[in-house]
N, C-alpha and C. Protein backbone atom coordinates (compact mmCIF):
# COMPACT_ATOMS: atom_id res chain seq x y z
N MET A 1 61.67 -119.10 1.30
CA MET A 1 62.04 -118.02 0.40
C MET A 1 61.54 -116.70 0.97
N CYS A 2 62.38 -115.71 0.99
CA CYS A 2 62.03 -114.38 1.49
C CYS A 2 61.42 -113.55 0.37
N SER A 3 60.61 -112.59 0.77
CA SER A 3 60.02 -111.71 -0.25
C SER A 3 61.10 -110.93 -0.99
N SER A 4 62.25 -110.69 -0.34
CA SER A 4 63.32 -109.98 -1.02
C SER A 4 63.92 -110.80 -2.17
N ASP A 5 63.71 -112.11 -2.12
CA ASP A 5 64.14 -112.96 -3.23
C ASP A 5 63.22 -112.82 -4.43
N LEU A 6 61.98 -112.39 -4.19
CA LEU A 6 60.99 -112.29 -5.26
C LEU A 6 60.87 -110.89 -5.84
N TYR A 7 61.12 -109.88 -5.01
CA TYR A 7 60.89 -108.50 -5.44
C TYR A 7 62.13 -107.67 -5.18
N ASP A 8 62.51 -106.88 -6.17
CA ASP A 8 63.68 -106.02 -6.00
C ASP A 8 63.24 -104.60 -5.65
N GLY A 9 64.21 -103.72 -5.54
CA GLY A 9 63.93 -102.33 -5.19
C GLY A 9 63.06 -101.61 -6.20
N ASP A 10 63.21 -101.96 -7.48
CA ASP A 10 62.38 -101.34 -8.51
C ASP A 10 60.91 -101.72 -8.34
N ALA A 11 60.66 -102.98 -8.01
CA ALA A 11 59.28 -103.43 -7.79
C ALA A 11 58.69 -102.73 -6.57
N TYR A 12 59.51 -102.56 -5.53
CA TYR A 12 59.06 -101.87 -4.33
C TYR A 12 58.70 -100.42 -4.63
N GLU A 13 59.57 -99.75 -5.37
CA GLU A 13 59.31 -98.35 -5.74
C GLU A 13 58.06 -98.24 -6.62
N ALA A 14 57.88 -99.19 -7.52
CA ALA A 14 56.68 -99.19 -8.37
C ALA A 14 55.42 -99.35 -7.52
N ALA A 15 55.49 -100.21 -6.51
CA ALA A 15 54.33 -100.41 -5.62
C ALA A 15 54.03 -99.14 -4.85
N LEU A 16 55.06 -98.48 -4.35
CA LEU A 16 54.85 -97.21 -3.64
C LEU A 16 54.25 -96.15 -4.56
N GLY A 17 54.69 -96.12 -5.80
CA GLY A 17 54.11 -95.18 -6.77
C GLY A 17 52.64 -95.46 -7.02
N HIS A 18 52.29 -96.73 -7.09
CA HIS A 18 50.88 -97.11 -7.28
C HIS A 18 50.05 -96.67 -6.07
N ILE A 19 50.57 -96.87 -4.87
CA ILE A 19 49.86 -96.44 -3.66
C ILE A 19 49.67 -94.93 -3.67
N ARG A 20 50.68 -94.19 -4.07
CA ARG A 20 50.55 -92.72 -4.14
C ARG A 20 49.47 -92.32 -5.13
N ARG A 21 49.42 -92.98 -6.30
CA ARG A 21 48.39 -92.66 -7.31
C ARG A 21 46.99 -92.99 -6.79
N VAL A 22 46.84 -94.12 -6.13
CA VAL A 22 45.54 -94.49 -5.57
C VAL A 22 45.12 -93.49 -4.50
N THR A 23 46.07 -93.06 -3.68
CA THR A 23 45.77 -92.06 -2.64
C THR A 23 45.30 -90.76 -3.27
N LEU A 24 45.94 -90.31 -4.33
CA LEU A 24 45.50 -89.09 -5.03
C LEU A 24 44.12 -89.27 -5.65
N ASP A 25 43.85 -90.45 -6.21
CA ASP A 25 42.51 -90.73 -6.76
C ASP A 25 41.45 -90.67 -5.67
N MET A 26 41.78 -91.23 -4.51
CA MET A 26 40.82 -91.20 -3.40
C MET A 26 40.60 -89.76 -2.92
N GLU A 27 41.66 -88.97 -2.86
CA GLU A 27 41.51 -87.57 -2.47
C GLU A 27 40.61 -86.83 -3.45
N ALA A 28 40.76 -87.09 -4.74
CA ALA A 28 39.89 -86.46 -5.75
C ALA A 28 38.45 -86.90 -5.56
N PHE A 29 38.23 -88.18 -5.30
CA PHE A 29 36.88 -88.67 -5.07
C PHE A 29 36.25 -87.95 -3.88
N PHE A 30 37.00 -87.88 -2.77
CA PHE A 30 36.44 -87.26 -1.57
C PHE A 30 36.40 -85.74 -1.67
N GLY A 31 36.92 -85.17 -2.74
CA GLY A 31 36.68 -83.76 -3.01
C GLY A 31 35.25 -83.51 -3.45
N GLN A 32 34.58 -84.56 -3.95
CA GLN A 32 33.19 -84.44 -4.40
C GLN A 32 32.20 -85.15 -3.49
N PHE A 33 32.65 -86.18 -2.78
CA PHE A 33 31.75 -86.99 -1.97
C PHE A 33 32.23 -87.07 -0.53
N ASP A 34 31.29 -87.19 0.39
CA ASP A 34 31.64 -87.28 1.81
C ASP A 34 32.02 -88.70 2.23
N LEU A 35 31.31 -89.67 1.71
CA LEU A 35 31.53 -91.06 2.10
C LEU A 35 31.56 -91.96 0.88
N LEU A 36 32.26 -93.07 1.01
CA LEU A 36 32.22 -94.13 0.01
C LEU A 36 31.62 -95.35 0.69
N LEU A 37 30.55 -95.87 0.10
CA LEU A 37 29.88 -97.05 0.63
C LEU A 37 30.11 -98.20 -0.34
N THR A 38 30.70 -99.28 0.17
CA THR A 38 30.96 -100.47 -0.64
C THR A 38 30.50 -101.70 0.12
N PRO A 39 30.37 -102.82 -0.56
CA PRO A 39 30.17 -104.06 0.19
C PRO A 39 31.44 -104.35 0.99
N THR A 40 31.30 -105.05 2.09
CA THR A 40 32.49 -105.48 2.83
C THR A 40 33.20 -106.57 2.05
N LEU A 41 32.44 -107.50 1.53
CA LEU A 41 32.97 -108.61 0.73
C LEU A 41 32.38 -108.56 -0.67
N ALA A 42 33.09 -109.11 -1.63
CA ALA A 42 32.60 -109.17 -3.01
C ALA A 42 31.73 -110.39 -3.25
N GLU A 43 31.58 -111.22 -2.23
CA GLU A 43 30.82 -112.47 -2.33
C GLU A 43 30.34 -112.83 -0.94
N PRO A 44 29.45 -113.79 -0.82
CA PRO A 44 29.03 -114.19 0.53
C PRO A 44 30.24 -114.64 1.36
N PRO A 45 30.14 -114.57 2.69
CA PRO A 45 31.28 -114.96 3.53
C PRO A 45 31.78 -116.36 3.18
N LEU A 46 33.10 -116.50 3.19
CA LEU A 46 33.73 -117.78 2.86
C LEU A 46 33.64 -118.74 4.04
N ALA A 47 33.60 -120.01 3.73
CA ALA A 47 33.61 -121.04 4.77
C ALA A 47 34.96 -121.02 5.47
N LEU A 48 34.97 -121.39 6.73
CA LEU A 48 36.23 -121.47 7.47
C LEU A 48 37.20 -122.41 6.76
N GLY A 49 38.43 -121.99 6.67
CA GLY A 49 39.46 -122.82 6.06
C GLY A 49 39.70 -122.58 4.59
N VAL A 50 38.80 -121.84 3.92
CA VAL A 50 38.99 -121.57 2.49
C VAL A 50 40.25 -120.75 2.27
N LEU A 51 40.47 -119.78 3.13
CA LEU A 51 41.70 -118.98 3.08
C LEU A 51 42.65 -119.51 4.14
N ASP A 52 43.76 -120.09 3.71
CA ASP A 52 44.71 -120.70 4.63
C ASP A 52 46.06 -120.00 4.49
N MET A 53 46.42 -119.19 5.50
CA MET A 53 47.69 -118.46 5.44
C MET A 53 48.90 -119.38 5.48
N GLN A 54 48.69 -120.63 5.85
CA GLN A 54 49.80 -121.59 5.91
C GLN A 54 49.97 -122.36 4.59
N ALA A 55 49.15 -122.02 3.59
CA ALA A 55 49.23 -122.72 2.30
C ALA A 55 50.59 -122.49 1.65
N ASP A 56 51.02 -123.43 0.87
CA ASP A 56 52.31 -123.33 0.18
C ASP A 56 52.29 -122.32 -0.95
N ASP A 57 51.14 -122.11 -1.58
CA ASP A 57 51.04 -121.21 -2.72
C ASP A 57 50.55 -119.83 -2.27
N TRP A 58 51.49 -118.96 -1.90
CA TRP A 58 51.16 -117.64 -1.38
C TRP A 58 50.41 -116.81 -2.43
N ASP A 59 50.83 -116.89 -3.69
CA ASP A 59 50.17 -116.10 -4.74
C ASP A 59 48.71 -116.50 -4.89
N ALA A 60 48.41 -117.80 -4.82
CA ALA A 60 47.02 -118.26 -4.91
C ALA A 60 46.23 -117.78 -3.70
N TYR A 61 46.83 -117.88 -2.52
CA TYR A 61 46.16 -117.40 -1.30
C TYR A 61 45.84 -115.91 -1.41
N PHE A 62 46.86 -115.12 -1.77
CA PHE A 62 46.68 -113.68 -1.82
C PHE A 62 45.68 -113.28 -2.91
N GLY A 63 45.74 -113.96 -4.06
CA GLY A 63 44.78 -113.69 -5.13
C GLY A 63 43.35 -113.98 -4.68
N ARG A 64 43.16 -115.10 -3.99
CA ARG A 64 41.82 -115.47 -3.50
C ARG A 64 41.34 -114.47 -2.45
N LEU A 65 42.26 -114.02 -1.60
CA LEU A 65 41.91 -113.04 -0.58
C LEU A 65 41.44 -111.74 -1.22
N LEU A 66 42.19 -111.25 -2.21
CA LEU A 66 41.80 -110.00 -2.86
C LEU A 66 40.53 -110.14 -3.69
N ASP A 67 40.25 -111.34 -4.19
CA ASP A 67 38.97 -111.58 -4.86
C ASP A 67 37.81 -111.41 -3.88
N ALA A 68 38.02 -111.84 -2.64
CA ALA A 68 36.97 -111.77 -1.63
C ALA A 68 36.82 -110.38 -1.03
N ILE A 69 37.93 -109.65 -0.89
CA ILE A 69 37.89 -108.33 -0.24
C ILE A 69 38.53 -107.25 -1.12
N PRO A 70 37.97 -106.97 -2.28
CA PRO A 70 38.62 -105.98 -3.17
C PRO A 70 38.47 -104.53 -2.71
N PHE A 71 37.58 -104.25 -1.77
CA PHE A 71 37.29 -102.87 -1.40
C PHE A 71 38.07 -102.40 -0.18
N THR A 72 38.28 -103.27 0.79
CA THR A 72 38.92 -102.83 2.04
C THR A 72 40.37 -102.39 1.87
N PRO A 73 41.16 -102.97 0.95
CA PRO A 73 42.55 -102.51 0.82
C PRO A 73 42.70 -101.04 0.41
N LEU A 74 41.67 -100.46 -0.22
CA LEU A 74 41.74 -99.03 -0.56
C LEU A 74 42.05 -98.19 0.67
N PHE A 75 41.42 -98.51 1.77
CA PHE A 75 41.60 -97.74 2.99
C PHE A 75 42.82 -98.21 3.76
N ASN A 76 43.20 -99.47 3.61
CA ASN A 76 44.41 -99.97 4.27
C ASN A 76 45.64 -99.23 3.74
N VAL A 77 45.72 -99.02 2.42
CA VAL A 77 46.93 -98.42 1.85
C VAL A 77 46.89 -96.89 1.85
N THR A 78 45.70 -96.28 1.84
CA THR A 78 45.63 -94.82 1.80
C THR A 78 45.56 -94.20 3.19
N GLY A 79 45.26 -95.00 4.20
CA GLY A 79 45.20 -94.50 5.56
C GLY A 79 43.88 -93.85 5.93
N GLY A 80 42.92 -93.86 5.02
CA GLY A 80 41.61 -93.28 5.32
C GLY A 80 40.84 -94.15 6.29
N PRO A 81 39.96 -93.54 7.09
CA PRO A 81 39.16 -94.33 8.04
C PRO A 81 38.05 -95.09 7.32
N ALA A 82 37.76 -96.26 7.80
CA ALA A 82 36.67 -97.07 7.25
C ALA A 82 36.09 -97.91 8.37
N ALA A 83 34.83 -98.22 8.23
CA ALA A 83 34.15 -99.08 9.19
C ALA A 83 33.26 -100.05 8.44
N SER A 84 33.35 -101.29 8.80
CA SER A 84 32.50 -102.31 8.20
C SER A 84 31.43 -102.67 9.22
N VAL A 85 30.18 -102.61 8.77
CA VAL A 85 29.07 -102.93 9.67
C VAL A 85 28.13 -103.93 8.99
N PRO A 86 27.54 -104.81 9.79
CA PRO A 86 26.58 -105.75 9.20
C PRO A 86 25.31 -105.02 8.80
N LEU A 87 24.75 -105.41 7.66
CA LEU A 87 23.55 -104.76 7.16
C LEU A 87 22.37 -105.71 7.14
N GLY A 88 22.62 -106.97 7.00
CA GLY A 88 21.53 -107.95 6.93
C GLY A 88 22.09 -109.35 6.94
N TRP A 89 21.26 -110.28 6.52
CA TRP A 89 21.62 -111.69 6.56
C TRP A 89 21.42 -112.32 5.19
N SER A 90 22.30 -113.25 4.85
CA SER A 90 22.12 -114.01 3.62
C SER A 90 21.05 -115.07 3.85
N ASP A 91 20.60 -115.70 2.79
CA ASP A 91 19.63 -116.79 2.94
C ASP A 91 20.20 -117.93 3.77
N GLY A 92 21.54 -118.04 3.79
CA GLY A 92 22.20 -119.09 4.58
C GLY A 92 22.45 -118.68 6.02
N GLY A 93 21.99 -117.49 6.41
CA GLY A 93 22.13 -117.05 7.79
C GLY A 93 23.45 -116.37 8.12
N LEU A 94 24.22 -116.02 7.09
CA LEU A 94 25.49 -115.34 7.32
C LEU A 94 25.32 -113.84 7.16
N PRO A 95 26.10 -113.05 7.89
CA PRO A 95 25.94 -111.59 7.80
C PRO A 95 26.44 -111.04 6.47
N ILE A 96 25.70 -110.05 5.98
CA ILE A 96 26.09 -109.29 4.79
C ILE A 96 26.46 -107.90 5.29
N GLY A 97 27.68 -107.46 5.01
CA GLY A 97 28.15 -106.19 5.54
C GLY A 97 28.39 -105.15 4.48
N VAL A 98 28.45 -103.92 4.93
CA VAL A 98 28.84 -102.79 4.09
C VAL A 98 29.97 -102.06 4.78
N GLN A 99 30.78 -101.40 3.97
CA GLN A 99 31.90 -100.63 4.50
C GLN A 99 31.68 -99.17 4.16
N PHE A 100 31.83 -98.31 5.16
CA PHE A 100 31.79 -96.88 4.97
C PHE A 100 33.22 -96.37 5.05
N GLY A 101 33.63 -95.56 4.10
CA GLY A 101 34.97 -94.98 4.14
C GLY A 101 34.89 -93.48 3.98
N ALA A 102 35.84 -92.78 4.57
CA ALA A 102 35.87 -91.32 4.49
C ALA A 102 37.25 -90.87 4.04
N ALA A 103 37.40 -89.56 3.94
CA ALA A 103 38.59 -88.99 3.32
C ALA A 103 39.87 -89.19 4.13
N ASP A 104 39.86 -88.84 5.38
CA ASP A 104 41.08 -88.93 6.16
C ASP A 104 40.75 -89.14 7.63
N ARG A 105 41.78 -89.34 8.41
CA ARG A 105 41.58 -89.65 9.83
C ARG A 105 40.90 -88.52 10.59
N LYS A 106 41.02 -87.30 10.09
CA LYS A 106 40.43 -86.15 10.78
C LYS A 106 38.94 -86.02 10.48
N SER A 107 38.46 -86.77 9.53
CA SER A 107 37.08 -86.62 9.07
C SER A 107 36.09 -87.05 10.15
N THR A 108 35.10 -86.21 10.38
CA THR A 108 34.03 -86.57 11.29
C THR A 108 32.84 -87.15 10.53
N ARG A 109 32.93 -87.15 9.21
CA ARG A 109 31.80 -87.64 8.42
C ARG A 109 31.52 -89.11 8.69
N LEU A 110 32.58 -89.89 8.84
CA LEU A 110 32.39 -91.30 9.11
C LEU A 110 31.76 -91.48 10.49
N ASN A 111 32.19 -90.70 11.45
CA ASN A 111 31.63 -90.79 12.80
C ASN A 111 30.20 -90.29 12.85
N SER A 112 29.82 -89.40 11.94
CA SER A 112 28.46 -88.86 11.96
C SER A 112 27.49 -89.74 11.18
N SER A 113 27.93 -90.90 10.75
CA SER A 113 27.07 -91.80 9.99
C SER A 113 26.26 -92.71 10.90
N HIS A 114 26.02 -92.27 12.11
CA HIS A 114 25.32 -93.12 13.08
C HIS A 114 23.91 -93.48 12.64
N VAL A 115 23.28 -92.65 11.85
CA VAL A 115 21.93 -92.98 11.38
C VAL A 115 21.98 -94.21 10.47
N VAL A 116 22.95 -94.22 9.58
CA VAL A 116 23.08 -95.36 8.68
C VAL A 116 23.45 -96.61 9.45
N ILE A 117 24.37 -96.49 10.40
CA ILE A 117 24.77 -97.63 11.20
C ILE A 117 23.60 -98.11 12.05
N SER A 118 22.82 -97.19 12.57
CA SER A 118 21.63 -97.58 13.34
C SER A 118 20.66 -98.36 12.48
N TYR A 119 20.53 -97.96 11.22
CA TYR A 119 19.67 -98.70 10.30
C TYR A 119 20.19 -100.12 10.09
N ALA A 120 21.51 -100.26 10.00
CA ALA A 120 22.10 -101.59 9.85
C ALA A 120 21.77 -102.45 11.06
N VAL A 121 21.86 -101.88 12.25
CA VAL A 121 21.52 -102.62 13.46
C VAL A 121 20.05 -103.01 13.44
N PHE A 122 19.18 -102.10 12.99
CA PHE A 122 17.76 -102.41 12.86
C PHE A 122 17.55 -103.62 11.96
N CYS A 123 18.25 -103.64 10.81
CA CYS A 123 18.12 -104.77 9.89
C CYS A 123 18.56 -106.07 10.56
N LEU A 124 19.61 -105.99 11.33
CA LEU A 124 20.09 -107.19 12.02
C LEU A 124 19.06 -107.70 13.01
N LYS A 125 18.48 -106.79 13.77
CA LYS A 125 17.48 -107.20 14.76
C LYS A 125 16.26 -107.82 14.09
N LYS A 126 15.91 -107.31 12.92
CA LYS A 126 14.76 -107.85 12.18
C LYS A 126 15.16 -109.06 11.35
N LYS A 127 16.48 -109.36 11.32
CA LYS A 127 17.01 -110.46 10.51
C LYS A 127 16.57 -110.33 9.06
N THR A 128 16.70 -109.11 8.54
CA THR A 128 16.38 -108.85 7.14
C THR A 128 17.28 -109.68 6.25
N HIS A 129 16.71 -110.38 5.30
CA HIS A 129 17.49 -111.22 4.39
C HIS A 129 17.86 -110.41 3.16
N LEU A 130 19.16 -110.34 2.90
CA LEU A 130 19.67 -109.62 1.75
C LEU A 130 20.68 -110.51 1.05
N THR A 131 20.83 -110.29 -0.23
CA THR A 131 21.96 -110.89 -0.93
C THR A 131 23.03 -109.81 -1.02
N ALA A 132 24.26 -110.19 -1.29
CA ALA A 132 25.33 -109.19 -1.38
C ALA A 132 25.00 -108.15 -2.44
N SER A 133 24.46 -108.58 -3.58
CA SER A 133 24.18 -107.63 -4.65
C SER A 133 22.99 -106.74 -4.30
N SER A 134 21.98 -107.27 -3.62
CA SER A 134 20.84 -106.42 -3.27
C SER A 134 21.21 -105.43 -2.19
N ALA A 135 22.13 -105.83 -1.30
CA ALA A 135 22.58 -104.89 -0.27
C ALA A 135 23.27 -103.71 -0.92
N LEU A 136 24.10 -103.97 -1.90
CA LEU A 136 24.80 -102.89 -2.59
C LEU A 136 23.84 -102.06 -3.42
N THR A 137 22.97 -102.73 -4.18
CA THR A 137 22.06 -102.02 -5.07
C THR A 137 21.03 -101.21 -4.29
N SER A 138 20.47 -101.81 -3.25
CA SER A 138 19.37 -101.17 -2.53
C SER A 138 19.83 -100.10 -1.55
N TYR A 139 21.02 -100.25 -1.01
CA TYR A 139 21.41 -99.38 0.09
C TYR A 139 22.60 -98.47 -0.22
N THR A 140 23.07 -98.46 -1.46
CA THR A 140 24.15 -97.55 -1.81
C THR A 140 23.56 -96.17 -2.06
N ARG A 141 23.95 -95.24 -1.23
CA ARG A 141 23.49 -93.86 -1.38
C ARG A 141 24.72 -92.97 -1.24
N THR A 142 24.99 -92.20 -2.24
CA THR A 142 26.10 -91.26 -2.18
C THR A 142 25.55 -89.89 -2.48
N THR A 143 25.86 -88.95 -1.63
CA THR A 143 25.37 -87.58 -1.79
C THR A 143 26.51 -86.70 -2.27
N ARG A 144 26.31 -86.04 -3.39
CA ARG A 144 27.30 -85.10 -3.89
C ARG A 144 27.31 -83.86 -3.01
N ARG A 145 28.50 -83.37 -2.78
CA ARG A 145 28.61 -82.11 -2.05
C ARG A 145 28.08 -80.98 -2.91
N PRO A 146 27.45 -79.97 -2.29
CA PRO A 146 27.01 -78.81 -3.07
C PRO A 146 28.22 -78.09 -3.67
N ALA A 147 28.01 -77.51 -4.83
CA ALA A 147 29.09 -76.75 -5.47
C ALA A 147 29.44 -75.55 -4.59
N ALA A 148 30.71 -75.28 -4.49
CA ALA A 148 31.16 -74.15 -3.65
C ALA A 148 30.94 -72.82 -4.33
């Protein structure tokens, strides 16, 4: 079955409208903030094979995928730059990552985040143990831009 059998032109136009609204929301956010810091995953890394692109139930696959990665699609659809870097290790020895996102491709703010990325590398070398929630809670720092 082709996707064109499932979705018509109206559904496609509605999806494009949603992407445009999300892009405008992101532009408004980055009017006040330089960077957005999120977890890379919403849960610890999945075991190999949990997500199977060859599965018969595409909706179940896609739903499970978005449950695991709810933050990264924001930058996939808006075109903003983002980088995911490891921040520490779970108790099971798996990497816990964070994603830095910026306003647009021209932004140097993401590239100037080397201090934060260097800290992530430091944590990796020290094998700092973090849980996904503690990584987000402990290391989320957002600086408001000064009023113009």
